[in-house]
């Protein structure tokens, strides 16, 4: 199963959100339908960012601490010296 770079996805979504905000400002005179579509896209980007942030929190919580194995290794080394 391929690993997914969540930070990269989050960066892309942030850039997309910025572009959509700029487009909303640029197309204010284009009509309600176009603005509604851009606003919908912006809401979906916000939702996707929330999902990615939640996954990042879960991934960070699942990562084992790097300090614990180092301490165990130091104790093993001392016990066998």
Protein backbone atom coordinates (compact mmCIF):
# COMPACT_ATOMS: atom_id res chain seq x y z
CA UNK A 1 0.00 0.00 0.00
CA UNK A 2 1.57 3.32 -1.03
CA UNK A 3 2.16 5.91 1.65
CA UNK A 4 0.50 9.28 1.27
CA UNK A 5 2.31 12.49 2.10
CA UNK A 6 -0.35 14.30 4.11
CA UNK A 7 1.77 17.43 4.54
CA UNK A 8 2.07 17.73 0.77
CA UNK A 9 -1.69 17.32 0.36
CA UNK A 10 -2.29 19.96 3.01
CA UNK A 11 0.10 22.35 1.25
CA UNK A 12 -1.76 21.81 -2.03
CA UNK A 13 -5.14 22.42 -0.36
CA UNK A 14 -3.85 25.63 1.23
CA UNK A 15 -2.65 26.89 -2.15
CA UNK A 16 -5.96 25.89 -3.74
CA UNK A 17 -7.87 27.76 -1.04
CA UNK A 18 -5.79 30.87 -1.70
CA UNK A 19 -6.44 30.61 -5.44
CA UNK A 20 -10.18 30.20 -4.85
CA UNK A 21 -10.24 33.24 -2.56
CA UNK A 22 -8.50 35.27 -5.27
CA UNK A 23 -10.95 33.97 -7.88
CA UNK A 24 -13.90 34.96 -5.68
CA UNK A 25 -12.51 38.48 -5.51
CA UNK A 26 -11.83 38.61 -9.23
CA UNK A 27 -15.21 37.28 -10.35
CA UNK A 28 -17.51 39.23 -8.05
CA UNK A 29 -19.26 40.70 -11.11
CA UNK A 30 -19.66 37.41 -13.01
CA UNK A 31 -22.98 36.34 -11.58
CA UNK A 32 -24.43 34.34 -8.74
CA UNK A 33 -24.00 30.93 -10.38
CA UNK A 34 -20.24 31.29 -10.87
CA UNK A 35 -19.80 32.69 -7.36
CA UNK A 36 -21.87 29.88 -5.88
CA UNK A 37 -19.67 27.32 -7.64
CA UNK A 38 -16.48 28.95 -6.35
CA UNK A 39 -17.90 29.13 -2.83
CA UNK A 40 -18.87 25.46 -3.01
CA UNK A 41 -15.33 24.57 -4.10
CA UNK A 42 -13.91 26.62 -1.23
CA UNK A 43 -16.16 24.80 1.28
CA UNK A 44 -14.98 21.46 -0.10
CA UNK A 45 -11.34 22.51 0.24
CA UNK A 46 -12.03 23.53 3.85
CA UNK A 47 -13.64 20.14 4.50
CA UNK A 48 -10.72 18.31 2.87
CA UNK A 49 -8.21 20.28 4.97
CA UNK A 50 -10.13 19.31 8.11
CA UNK A 51 -9.95 15.63 7.10
CA UNK A 52 -6.21 15.84 6.38
CA UNK A 53 -5.56 17.61 9.70
CA UNK A 54 -7.49 14.89 11.54
CA UNK A 55 -5.45 12.22 9.78
CA UNK A 56 -2.24 14.01 10.66
CA UNK A 57 -3.25 14.04 14.33
CA UNK A 58 -4.00 10.31 14.24
CA UNK A 59 -0.74 9.56 12.43
CA UNK A 60 1.26 11.62 14.94
CA UNK A 61 -0.45 9.85 17.86
CA UNK A 62 0.38 6.44 16.38
CA UNK A 63 4.08 7.20 15.92
CA UNK A 64 6.17 5.71 18.69
CA UNK A 65 8.37 8.05 20.63
CA UNK A 66 11.95 8.06 19.43
CA UNK A 67 13.27 8.56 22.95
CA UNK A 68 11.89 5.36 24.46
CA UNK A 69 13.79 2.97 22.16
CA UNK A 70 17.01 4.93 22.69
CA UNK A 71 16.66 4.64 26.46
CA UNK A 72 15.96 0.92 26.20
CA UNK A 73 19.00 0.51 23.97
CA UNK A 74 21.21 2.38 26.45
CA UNK A 75 20.04 0.16 29.31
CA UNK A 76 20.65 -3.00 27.26
CA UNK A 77 24.13 -1.80 26.45
CA UNK A 78 24.86 -1.07 30.10
CA UNK A 79 23.53 -4.46 31.19
CA UNK A 80 25.80 -6.32 28.78
CA UNK A 81 28.95 -4.23 29.31
